[in-house]
Amino acid sequence: MVITYHDETCFRIQSGNLSLVVDPVSEKFKSDVTIKTNLALPYNKTEKDLIVGAGEYEINGISIRGTQASYDKKAGIKTIFEVVMENIALGFFGKIDANPEPDLIEKLGNLEIIFLPVGKGYLDEKSALKIVKQVKPNIVIPYPTKATKDFLEEMGGKSEISDKLTLKKKDILEMGEKMRAVCLKS
């Protein structure tokens, strides 16, 4: 699995020939499966293999579960997605700007990697750290890149900045209880 960051809340996860894009920043992003964590209203779904909103989905061997985090007439519907690829549980928090209810976090299950928005317009550092402590992932990928330096320091432990993250399930198993933060450059 190769994870790359493409600005704002956009990530590409590549697994062999299969690709998943979360919150594409332009129409040019081609993928086998696309997820949008923020749904502006009104909405008209026209794309095939586009996942929006709460529900359970299975596409191209990728298991996806969306849980509604918030709803606002102006901001639309914000959804947190749990995605299982290569037997690795990924959690995409999209554009949330407030801590979700604790029971919502419990519903997400055992997430091994979380993608967490930190900084102006998103979660403040304290709120983001609270989520990290609740979820207890092996890897935290904070974004956007510019806003995460202080968050990485607050997290403590091992952190790194990289162009991409390449890993397999065995890498996560070898980590055991350890946690690391990886800040991906766009």
N, C-alpha and C. Protein backbone atom coordinates (compact mmCIF):
# COMPACT_ATOMS: atom_id res chain seq x y z
N MET A 1 0.85 -1.17 0.00
CA MET A 1 0.00 0.00 0.00
C MET A 1 0.90 1.23 0.00
N VAL A 2 0.55 2.17 -0.88
CA VAL A 2 1.28 3.43 -0.97
C VAL A 2 0.29 4.56 -0.74
N ILE A 3 0.58 5.43 0.23
CA ILE A 3 -0.30 6.54 0.58
C ILE A 3 0.40 7.84 0.21
N THR A 4 -0.30 8.68 -0.56
CA THR A 4 0.24 10.00 -0.91
C THR A 4 -0.81 11.07 -0.59
N TYR A 5 -0.31 12.28 -0.33
CA TYR A 5 -1.15 13.41 0.02
C TYR A 5 -1.14 14.42 -1.12
N HIS A 6 -2.31 14.97 -1.43
CA HIS A 6 -2.44 15.87 -2.58
C HIS A 6 -3.10 17.20 -2.25
N ASP A 7 -2.91 17.70 -1.04
CA ASP A 7 -3.42 19.02 -0.63
C ASP A 7 -4.82 18.91 -0.05
N GLU A 8 -5.17 19.92 0.74
CA GLU A 8 -6.46 20.00 1.44
C GLU A 8 -6.71 18.71 2.20
N THR A 9 -7.78 17.96 1.85
CA THR A 9 -8.08 16.69 2.52
C THR A 9 -7.94 15.51 1.56
N CYS A 10 -7.20 15.69 0.48
CA CYS A 10 -7.10 14.70 -0.59
C CYS A 10 -5.93 13.73 -0.39
N PHE A 11 -6.26 12.44 -0.39
CA PHE A 11 -5.27 11.37 -0.29
C PHE A 11 -5.54 10.34 -1.37
N ARG A 12 -4.45 9.73 -1.87
CA ARG A 12 -4.55 8.59 -2.79
C ARG A 12 -3.92 7.39 -2.09
N ILE A 13 -4.65 6.28 -2.10
CA ILE A 13 -4.13 5.04 -1.54
C ILE A 13 -4.08 4.05 -2.70
N GLN A 14 -2.88 3.59 -2.99
CA GLN A 14 -2.65 2.68 -4.11
C GLN A 14 -2.34 1.30 -3.56
N SER A 15 -3.06 0.30 -4.06
CA SER A 15 -2.84 -1.10 -3.66
C SER A 15 -2.74 -1.91 -4.94
N GLY A 16 -1.51 -2.15 -5.39
CA GLY A 16 -1.32 -2.81 -6.68
C GLY A 16 -1.89 -1.94 -7.77
N ASN A 17 -2.80 -2.48 -8.59
CA ASN A 17 -3.43 -1.72 -9.66
C ASN A 17 -4.69 -0.99 -9.21
N LEU A 18 -5.07 -1.17 -7.97
CA LEU A 18 -6.30 -0.58 -7.43
C LEU A 18 -6.00 0.72 -6.71
N SER A 19 -6.77 1.77 -7.01
CA SER A 19 -6.54 3.04 -6.32
C SER A 19 -7.83 3.59 -5.72
N LEU A 20 -7.67 4.21 -4.57
CA LEU A 20 -8.75 4.87 -3.85
C LEU A 20 -8.33 6.32 -3.66
N VAL A 21 -9.23 7.27 -3.98
CA VAL A 21 -8.94 8.68 -3.75
C VAL A 21 -10.00 9.21 -2.79
N VAL A 22 -9.53 9.91 -1.77
CA VAL A 22 -10.42 10.55 -0.81
C VAL A 22 -10.38 12.05 -1.06
N ASP A 23 -11.55 12.65 -1.20
CA ASP A 23 -11.71 14.09 -1.41
C ASP A 23 -10.81 14.63 -2.53
N PRO A 24 -11.03 14.18 -3.76
CA PRO A 24 -10.19 14.67 -4.87
C PRO A 24 -10.25 16.20 -4.98
N VAL A 25 -9.10 16.81 -5.24
CA VAL A 25 -9.03 18.27 -5.33
C VAL A 25 -9.34 18.78 -6.74
N SER A 26 -9.44 17.88 -7.69
CA SER A 26 -9.83 18.27 -9.04
C SER A 26 -10.46 17.09 -9.75
N GLU A 27 -11.09 17.37 -10.87
CA GLU A 27 -11.72 16.32 -11.69
C GLU A 27 -10.69 15.41 -12.35
N LYS A 28 -9.43 15.83 -12.36
CA LYS A 28 -8.37 15.08 -13.03
C LYS A 28 -7.99 13.81 -12.29
N PHE A 29 -8.36 13.70 -10.99
CA PHE A 29 -8.01 12.53 -10.22
C PHE A 29 -8.84 11.34 -10.65
N LYS A 30 -8.20 10.38 -11.24
CA LYS A 30 -8.87 9.16 -11.67
C LYS A 30 -8.56 8.07 -10.64
N SER A 31 -9.58 7.29 -10.30
CA SER A 31 -9.38 6.22 -9.33
C SER A 31 -10.43 5.13 -9.57
N ASP A 32 -10.21 4.00 -8.94
CA ASP A 32 -11.18 2.92 -9.01
C ASP A 32 -12.34 3.20 -8.06
N VAL A 33 -12.02 3.84 -6.93
CA VAL A 33 -13.03 4.19 -5.93
C VAL A 33 -12.73 5.60 -5.43
N THR A 34 -13.77 6.42 -5.30
CA THR A 34 -13.62 7.78 -4.80
C THR A 34 -14.55 7.98 -3.61
N ILE A 35 -14.02 8.59 -2.55
CA ILE A 35 -14.80 8.90 -1.35
C ILE A 35 -14.80 10.40 -1.16
N LYS A 36 -15.96 10.95 -0.82
CA LYS A 36 -16.05 12.37 -0.46
C LYS A 36 -16.56 12.46 0.97
N THR A 37 -15.74 13.06 1.84
CA THR A 37 -16.08 13.14 3.26
C THR A 37 -16.98 14.32 3.57
N ASN A 38 -17.05 15.29 2.68
CA ASN A 38 -17.88 16.47 2.90
C ASN A 38 -18.84 16.60 1.72
N LEU A 39 -20.12 16.55 2.01
CA LEU A 39 -21.13 16.56 0.97
C LEU A 39 -21.93 17.86 1.04
N ALA A 40 -21.72 18.73 0.06
CA ALA A 40 -22.47 19.98 0.00
C ALA A 40 -23.88 19.68 -0.47
N LEU A 41 -24.83 20.42 0.04
CA LEU A 41 -26.23 20.20 -0.32
C LEU A 41 -26.74 21.34 -1.19
N PRO A 42 -27.64 21.12 -2.12
CA PRO A 42 -28.17 19.83 -2.54
C PRO A 42 -27.12 19.05 -3.33
N TYR A 43 -27.31 17.75 -3.43
CA TYR A 43 -26.31 16.90 -4.06
C TYR A 43 -26.99 15.97 -5.07
N ASN A 44 -26.32 15.74 -6.19
CA ASN A 44 -26.82 14.83 -7.21
C ASN A 44 -25.68 13.88 -7.58
N LYS A 45 -25.78 12.64 -7.17
CA LYS A 45 -24.72 11.67 -7.43
C LYS A 45 -24.79 11.21 -8.88
N THR A 46 -23.70 11.42 -9.61
CA THR A 46 -23.66 11.00 -11.01
C THR A 46 -22.50 10.07 -11.31
N GLU A 47 -21.46 10.08 -10.46
CA GLU A 47 -20.28 9.27 -10.73
C GLU A 47 -20.45 7.83 -10.25
N LYS A 48 -19.97 6.90 -11.05
CA LYS A 48 -19.95 5.50 -10.65
C LYS A 48 -18.80 5.31 -9.65
N ASP A 49 -18.98 4.42 -8.70
CA ASP A 49 -17.98 4.11 -7.68
C ASP A 49 -17.58 5.33 -6.85
N LEU A 50 -18.54 6.23 -6.64
CA LEU A 50 -18.35 7.38 -5.76
C LEU A 50 -19.11 7.10 -4.48
N ILE A 51 -18.40 7.20 -3.35
CA ILE A 51 -19.00 6.93 -2.05
C ILE A 51 -19.18 8.26 -1.32
N VAL A 52 -20.41 8.54 -0.90
CA VAL A 52 -20.72 9.74 -0.13
C VAL A 52 -21.70 9.35 0.97
N GLY A 53 -21.57 9.98 2.12
CA GLY A 53 -22.53 9.78 3.20
C GLY A 53 -22.40 8.47 3.95
N ALA A 54 -23.24 8.36 4.98
CA ALA A 54 -23.21 7.19 5.85
C ALA A 54 -23.70 5.94 5.12
N GLY A 55 -23.18 4.79 5.54
CA GLY A 55 -23.59 3.52 4.96
C GLY A 55 -22.43 2.56 4.87
N GLU A 56 -22.73 1.35 4.43
CA GLU A 56 -21.70 0.33 4.26
C GLU A 56 -21.62 -0.02 2.78
N TYR A 57 -20.38 -0.10 2.29
CA TYR A 57 -20.15 -0.32 0.87
C TYR A 57 -19.04 -1.36 0.68
N GLU A 58 -19.12 -2.08 -0.43
CA GLU A 58 -18.07 -3.02 -0.81
C GLU A 58 -17.85 -2.82 -2.30
N ILE A 59 -16.68 -2.28 -2.66
CA ILE A 59 -16.39 -2.02 -4.07
C ILE A 59 -14.96 -2.49 -4.36
N ASN A 60 -14.82 -3.30 -5.40
CA ASN A 60 -13.50 -3.78 -5.84
C ASN A 60 -12.69 -4.38 -4.70
N GLY A 61 -13.35 -5.07 -3.78
CA GLY A 61 -12.65 -5.70 -2.66
C GLY A 61 -12.30 -4.76 -1.53
N ILE A 62 -12.74 -3.51 -1.61
CA ILE A 62 -12.48 -2.53 -0.55
C ILE A 62 -13.75 -2.43 0.29
N SER A 63 -13.60 -2.61 1.59
CA SER A 63 -14.71 -2.49 2.51
C SER A 63 -14.74 -1.06 3.05
N ILE A 64 -15.91 -0.40 2.96
CA ILE A 64 -16.02 1.01 3.35
C ILE A 64 -17.26 1.17 4.23
N ARG A 65 -17.06 1.90 5.34
CA ARG A 65 -18.20 2.21 6.22
C ARG A 65 -18.14 3.69 6.57
N GLY A 66 -19.21 4.40 6.24
CA GLY A 66 -19.29 5.82 6.54
C GLY A 66 -20.20 6.07 7.72
N THR A 67 -19.77 6.96 8.63
CA THR A 67 -20.56 7.35 9.79
C THR A 67 -20.69 8.86 9.79
N GLN A 68 -21.92 9.35 9.82
CA GLN A 68 -22.14 10.79 9.78
C GLN A 68 -21.59 11.45 11.04
N ALA A 69 -20.73 12.45 10.85
CA ALA A 69 -20.12 13.16 11.98
C ALA A 69 -20.89 14.42 12.31
N SER A 70 -21.41 15.11 11.28
CA SER A 70 -22.17 16.33 11.52
C SER A 70 -23.03 16.67 10.31
N TYR A 71 -24.02 17.53 10.57
CA TYR A 71 -24.89 18.01 9.50
C TYR A 71 -25.19 19.48 9.75
N ASP A 72 -25.06 20.28 8.71
CA ASP A 72 -25.36 21.70 8.78
C ASP A 72 -25.85 22.11 7.40
N LYS A 73 -26.93 22.88 7.34
CA LYS A 73 -27.49 23.27 6.03
C LYS A 73 -26.47 23.97 5.15
N LYS A 74 -25.60 24.80 5.75
CA LYS A 74 -24.59 25.52 4.96
C LYS A 74 -23.37 24.66 4.68
N ALA A 75 -22.86 23.96 5.69
CA ALA A 75 -21.63 23.17 5.54
C ALA A 75 -21.89 21.81 4.91
N GLY A 76 -23.12 21.34 4.93
CA GLY A 76 -23.45 20.04 4.36
C GLY A 76 -23.28 18.92 5.37
N ILE A 77 -23.05 17.74 4.86
CA ILE A 77 -22.91 16.55 5.70
C ILE A 77 -21.44 16.15 5.74
N LYS A 78 -20.90 16.00 6.94
CA LYS A 78 -19.52 15.57 7.12
C LYS A 78 -19.55 14.12 7.60
N THR A 79 -18.78 13.28 6.93
CA THR A 79 -18.79 11.85 7.21
C THR A 79 -17.37 11.38 7.51
N ILE A 80 -17.25 10.53 8.52
CA ILE A 80 -15.98 9.87 8.82
C ILE A 80 -16.05 8.48 8.20
N PHE A 81 -15.02 8.11 7.46
CA PHE A 81 -15.02 6.83 6.78
C PHE A 81 -13.97 5.87 7.34
N GLU A 82 -14.39 4.63 7.51
CA GLU A 82 -13.48 3.53 7.84
C GLU A 82 -13.34 2.71 6.57
N VAL A 83 -12.10 2.54 6.12
CA VAL A 83 -11.82 1.82 4.88
C VAL A 83 -10.86 0.68 5.20
N VAL A 84 -11.16 -0.51 4.71
CA VAL A 84 -10.25 -1.64 4.90
C VAL A 84 -9.72 -2.05 3.54
N MET A 85 -8.39 -1.87 3.39
CA MET A 85 -7.65 -2.28 2.19
C MET A 85 -6.43 -3.06 2.64
N GLU A 86 -6.12 -4.14 1.94
CA GLU A 86 -4.97 -4.97 2.29
C GLU A 86 -5.02 -5.38 3.77
N ASN A 87 -6.24 -5.54 4.27
CA ASN A 87 -6.44 -5.96 5.66
C ASN A 87 -5.96 -4.91 6.67
N ILE A 88 -5.86 -3.67 6.24
CA ILE A 88 -5.45 -2.55 7.10
C ILE A 88 -6.64 -1.60 7.23
N ALA A 89 -7.00 -1.25 8.47
CA ALA A 89 -8.14 -0.36 8.73
C ALA A 89 -7.68 1.09 8.76
N LEU A 90 -8.21 1.87 7.82
CA LEU A 90 -7.87 3.28 7.68
C LEU A 90 -9.07 4.13 8.11
N GLY A 91 -8.83 5.24 8.81
CA GLY A 91 -9.90 6.13 9.22
C GLY A 91 -9.70 7.52 8.67
N PHE A 92 -10.64 7.98 7.84
CA PHE A 92 -10.55 9.30 7.21
C PHE A 92 -11.53 10.25 7.90
N PHE A 93 -11.00 11.29 8.56
CA PHE A 93 -11.82 12.23 9.30
C PHE A 93 -12.22 13.45 8.47
N GLY A 94 -11.75 13.54 7.23
CA GLY A 94 -12.20 14.57 6.30
C GLY A 94 -11.98 15.99 6.78
N LYS A 95 -13.07 16.77 6.79
CA LYS A 95 -12.98 18.19 7.12
C LYS A 95 -13.63 18.51 8.46
N ILE A 96 -13.60 17.57 9.40
CA ILE A 96 -14.24 17.87 10.68
C ILE A 96 -13.52 19.01 11.38
N ASP A 97 -14.30 19.81 12.11
CA ASP A 97 -13.71 20.95 12.81
C ASP A 97 -14.09 20.95 14.29
N ALA A 98 -14.71 19.87 14.74
CA ALA A 98 -15.06 19.72 16.16
C ALA A 98 -14.97 18.24 16.52
N ASN A 99 -14.68 17.97 17.79
CA ASN A 99 -14.59 16.58 18.22
C ASN A 99 -15.91 15.86 18.02
N PRO A 100 -15.88 14.70 17.37
CA PRO A 100 -17.10 13.90 17.26
C PRO A 100 -17.48 13.37 18.65
N GLU A 101 -18.73 13.00 18.80
CA GLU A 101 -19.18 12.42 20.06
C GLU A 101 -18.37 11.14 20.34
N PRO A 102 -18.05 10.87 21.63
CA PRO A 102 -17.26 9.68 21.96
C PRO A 102 -17.87 8.37 21.44
N ASP A 103 -19.21 8.26 21.45
CA ASP A 103 -19.82 7.02 20.97
C ASP A 103 -19.61 6.84 19.46
N LEU A 104 -19.48 7.93 18.72
CA LEU A 104 -19.20 7.85 17.29
C LEU A 104 -17.80 7.26 17.08
N ILE A 105 -16.85 7.71 17.88
CA ILE A 105 -15.47 7.18 17.78
C ILE A 105 -15.47 5.68 18.08
N GLU A 106 -16.23 5.26 19.08
CA GLU A 106 -16.31 3.83 19.44
C GLU A 106 -16.88 3.00 18.29
N LYS A 107 -17.83 3.56 17.54
CA LYS A 107 -18.45 2.86 16.41
C LYS A 107 -17.44 2.58 15.29
N LEU A 108 -16.37 3.37 15.24
CA LEU A 108 -15.42 3.24 14.14
C LEU A 108 -14.62 1.95 14.21
N GLY A 109 -14.49 1.38 15.36
CA GLY A 109 -13.75 0.14 15.47
C GLY A 109 -12.26 0.38 15.64
N ASN A 110 -11.48 -0.62 15.33
CA ASN A 110 -10.04 -0.62 15.54
C ASN A 110 -9.33 -0.06 14.31
N LEU A 111 -9.09 1.23 14.29
CA LEU A 111 -8.41 1.87 13.16
C LEU A 111 -6.90 1.83 13.37
N GLU A 112 -6.19 1.33 12.38
CA GLU A 112 -4.73 1.23 12.48
C GLU A 112 -4.03 2.50 11.99
N ILE A 113 -4.64 3.17 11.01
CA ILE A 113 -4.10 4.43 10.49
C ILE A 113 -5.24 5.43 10.46
N ILE A 114 -5.00 6.63 11.02
CA ILE A 114 -6.02 7.67 10.92
C ILE A 114 -5.45 8.90 10.22
N PHE A 115 -6.31 9.53 9.43
CA PHE A 115 -5.99 10.74 8.68
C PHE A 115 -6.78 11.85 9.37
N LEU A 116 -6.07 12.77 10.02
CA LEU A 116 -6.71 13.71 10.95
C LEU A 116 -6.43 15.16 10.59
N PRO A 117 -7.49 15.98 10.39
CA PRO A 117 -7.29 17.39 10.07
C PRO A 117 -6.92 18.21 11.31
N VAL A 118 -5.80 18.92 11.24
CA VAL A 118 -5.33 19.69 12.39
C VAL A 118 -4.95 21.09 11.93
N GLY A 119 -5.41 22.11 12.65
CA GLY A 119 -5.02 23.48 12.34
C GLY A 119 -6.21 24.37 12.05
N LYS A 120 -5.92 25.56 11.60
CA LYS A 120 -6.95 26.57 11.36
C LYS A 120 -8.04 26.04 10.42
N GLY A 121 -9.28 26.14 10.89
CA GLY A 121 -10.41 25.67 10.11
C GLY A 121 -10.74 24.21 10.34
N TYR A 122 -9.87 23.51 11.06
CA TYR A 122 -10.08 22.09 11.37
C TYR A 122 -10.04 21.93 12.88
N LEU A 123 -9.56 20.78 13.34
CA LEU A 123 -9.45 20.51 14.77
C LEU A 123 -8.27 21.28 15.36
N ASP A 124 -8.43 21.79 16.58
CA ASP A 124 -7.26 22.36 17.25
C ASP A 124 -6.42 21.18 17.78
N GLU A 125 -5.20 21.47 18.18
CA GLU A 125 -4.28 20.40 18.60
C GLU A 125 -4.84 19.57 19.75
N LYS A 126 -5.44 20.24 20.72
CA LYS A 126 -5.99 19.55 21.90
C LYS A 126 -7.08 18.55 21.47
N SER A 127 -7.98 18.99 20.60
CA SER A 127 -9.07 18.12 20.13
C SER A 127 -8.52 16.94 19.32
N ALA A 128 -7.53 17.22 18.48
CA ALA A 128 -6.93 16.16 17.67
C ALA A 128 -6.24 15.12 18.56
N LEU A 129 -5.53 15.60 19.59
CA LEU A 129 -4.86 14.67 20.50
C LEU A 129 -5.88 13.82 21.26
N LYS A 130 -7.02 14.39 21.59
CA LYS A 130 -8.08 13.65 22.27
C LYS A 130 -8.56 12.48 21.39
N ILE A 131 -8.73 12.75 20.11
CA ILE A 131 -9.15 11.69 19.18
C ILE A 131 -8.08 10.61 19.09
N VAL A 132 -6.82 11.03 19.00
CA VAL A 132 -5.71 10.06 18.93
C VAL A 132 -5.73 9.16 20.16
N LYS A 133 -5.93 9.74 21.33
CA LYS A 133 -5.96 8.95 22.58
C LYS A 133 -7.15 8.00 22.61
N GLN A 134 -8.28 8.40 22.05
CA GLN A 134 -9.46 7.54 22.01
C GLN A 134 -9.28 6.38 21.02
N VAL A 135 -8.79 6.70 19.84
CA VAL A 135 -8.69 5.71 18.77
C VAL A 135 -7.50 4.77 18.97
N LYS A 136 -6.38 5.30 19.45
CA LYS A 136 -5.14 4.54 19.65
C LYS A 136 -4.66 3.84 18.38
N PRO A 137 -4.48 4.60 17.29
CA PRO A 137 -4.00 3.99 16.05
C PRO A 137 -2.50 3.72 16.12
N ASN A 138 -2.02 2.95 15.18
CA ASN A 138 -0.57 2.73 15.05
C ASN A 138 0.09 3.91 14.37
N ILE A 139 -0.63 4.49 13.39
CA ILE A 139 -0.07 5.60 12.62
C ILE A 139 -1.10 6.73 12.53
N VAL A 140 -0.64 7.95 12.78
CA VAL A 140 -1.47 9.16 12.63
C VAL A 140 -0.89 9.96 11.48
N ILE A 141 -1.74 10.33 10.52
CA ILE A 141 -1.32 11.17 9.41
C ILE A 141 -2.10 12.48 9.53
N PRO A 142 -1.47 13.51 10.12
CA PRO A 142 -2.14 14.80 10.25
C PRO A 142 -2.01 15.60 8.96
N TYR A 143 -2.98 16.46 8.71
CA TYR A 143 -2.95 17.35 7.55
C TYR A 143 -3.72 18.60 7.89
N PRO A 144 -3.62 19.70 7.17
CA PRO A 144 -2.69 19.96 6.08
C PRO A 144 -1.25 20.08 6.59
N THR A 145 -0.30 19.90 5.71
CA THR A 145 1.12 19.82 6.07
C THR A 145 1.61 21.03 6.87
N LYS A 146 1.25 22.22 6.46
CA LYS A 146 1.76 23.43 7.11
C LYS A 146 1.31 23.57 8.56
N ALA A 147 0.16 23.02 8.89
CA ALA A 147 -0.40 23.23 10.22
C ALA A 147 -0.03 22.14 11.21
N THR A 148 0.77 21.18 10.83
CA THR A 148 0.95 20.01 11.69
C THR A 148 2.23 19.98 12.52
N LYS A 149 3.16 20.89 12.33
CA LYS A 149 4.44 20.83 13.05
C LYS A 149 4.25 20.83 14.55
N ASP A 150 3.43 21.75 15.08
CA ASP A 150 3.19 21.81 16.51
C ASP A 150 2.48 20.55 17.01
N PHE A 151 1.55 20.05 16.21
CA PHE A 151 0.83 18.84 16.57
C PHE A 151 1.78 17.65 16.70
N LEU A 152 2.72 17.54 15.77
CA LEU A 152 3.69 16.44 15.83
C LEU A 152 4.52 16.51 17.11
N GLU A 153 4.89 17.71 17.51
CA GLU A 153 5.65 17.89 18.75
C GLU A 153 4.80 17.50 19.96
N GLU A 154 3.53 17.91 19.96
CA GLU A 154 2.62 17.58 21.07
C GLU A 154 2.41 16.08 21.19
N MET A 155 2.36 15.39 20.06
CA MET A 155 2.14 13.94 20.09
C MET A 155 3.29 13.22 20.75
N GLY A 156 4.48 13.77 20.60
CA GLY A 156 5.65 13.09 21.14
C GLY A 156 5.90 11.82 20.35
N GLY A 157 6.76 10.97 20.86
CA GLY A 157 7.04 9.72 20.16
C GLY A 157 7.70 9.95 18.82
N LYS A 158 7.66 8.93 18.00
CA LYS A 158 8.32 8.98 16.70
C LYS A 158 7.44 9.71 15.69
N SER A 159 8.01 10.70 15.01
CA SER A 159 7.29 11.37 13.92
C SER A 159 8.26 11.60 12.78
N GLU A 160 7.70 11.69 11.60
CA GLU A 160 8.53 11.88 10.41
C GLU A 160 7.77 12.67 9.35
N ILE A 161 8.50 13.26 8.44
CA ILE A 161 7.92 13.97 7.30
C ILE A 161 8.41 13.25 6.05
N SER A 162 7.47 12.95 5.14
CA SER A 162 7.82 12.14 3.98
C SER A 162 6.95 12.53 2.78
N ASP A 163 7.39 12.14 1.58
CA ASP A 163 6.61 12.37 0.36
C ASP A 163 5.47 11.35 0.24
N LYS A 164 5.71 10.14 0.75
CA LYS A 164 4.69 9.08 0.68
C LYS A 164 4.96 8.08 1.80
N LEU A 165 3.95 7.28 2.08
CA LEU A 165 4.07 6.23 3.08
C LEU A 165 3.79 4.91 2.39
N THR A 166 4.76 4.02 2.43
CA THR A 166 4.62 2.69 1.84
C THR A 166 4.67 1.68 2.97
N LEU A 167 3.66 0.82 3.06
CA LEU A 167 3.64 -0.17 4.13
C LEU A 167 2.77 -1.36 3.80
N LYS A 168 2.95 -2.41 4.57
CA LYS A 168 2.17 -3.63 4.48
C LYS A 168 1.61 -3.94 5.87
N LYS A 169 0.69 -4.85 5.94
CA LYS A 169 0.08 -5.24 7.22
C LYS A 169 1.15 -5.68 8.22
N LYS A 170 2.16 -6.42 7.76
CA LYS A 170 3.20 -6.90 8.68
C LYS A 170 3.94 -5.75 9.34
N ASP A 171 4.08 -4.60 8.64
CA ASP A 171 4.74 -3.43 9.23
C ASP A 171 3.96 -2.92 10.43
N ILE A 172 2.64 -2.93 10.31
CA ILE A 172 1.79 -2.48 11.42
C ILE A 172 1.85 -3.48 12.56
N LEU A 173 1.82 -4.76 12.25
CA LEU A 173 1.89 -5.78 13.29
C LEU A 173 3.20 -5.69 14.06
N GLU A 174 4.29 -5.39 13.36
CA GLU A 174 5.60 -5.27 14.00
C GLU A 174 5.69 -4.07 14.94
N MET A 175 4.83 -3.06 14.73
CA MET A 175 4.83 -1.87 15.58
C MET A 175 4.30 -2.18 16.97
N GLY A 176 3.44 -3.19 17.07
CA GLY A 176 2.85 -3.52 18.36
C GLY A 176 2.03 -2.35 18.90
N GLU A 177 2.29 -1.93 20.13
CA GLU A 177 1.56 -0.84 20.78
C GLU A 177 2.13 0.53 20.42
N LYS A 178 3.26 0.58 19.73
CA LYS A 178 3.90 1.84 19.41
C LYS A 178 3.04 2.65 18.44
N MET A 179 3.16 3.96 18.54
CA MET A 179 2.45 4.85 17.64
C MET A 179 3.46 5.79 16.98
N ARG A 180 3.19 6.11 15.72
CA ARG A 180 4.05 7.09 15.06
C ARG A 180 3.18 8.03 14.24
N ALA A 181 3.70 9.22 14.06
CA ALA A 181 3.02 10.22 13.25
C ALA A 181 3.81 10.41 11.96
N VAL A 182 3.10 10.47 10.85
CA VAL A 182 3.73 10.67 9.55
C VAL A 182 3.04 11.84 8.88
N CYS A 183 3.81 12.87 8.62
CA CYS A 183 3.30 14.06 7.94
C CYS A 183 3.71 13.94 6.47
N LEU A 184 2.71 13.85 5.58
CA LEU A 184 2.99 13.69 4.16
C LEU A 184 2.99 15.05 3.46
N LYS A 185 4.01 15.26 2.65
CA LYS A 185 4.10 16.52 1.88
C LYS A 185 3.24 16.39 0.63
N SER A 186 2.61 17.51 0.24
CA SER A 186 1.81 17.48 -0.99
C SER A 186 2.63 17.91 -2.16
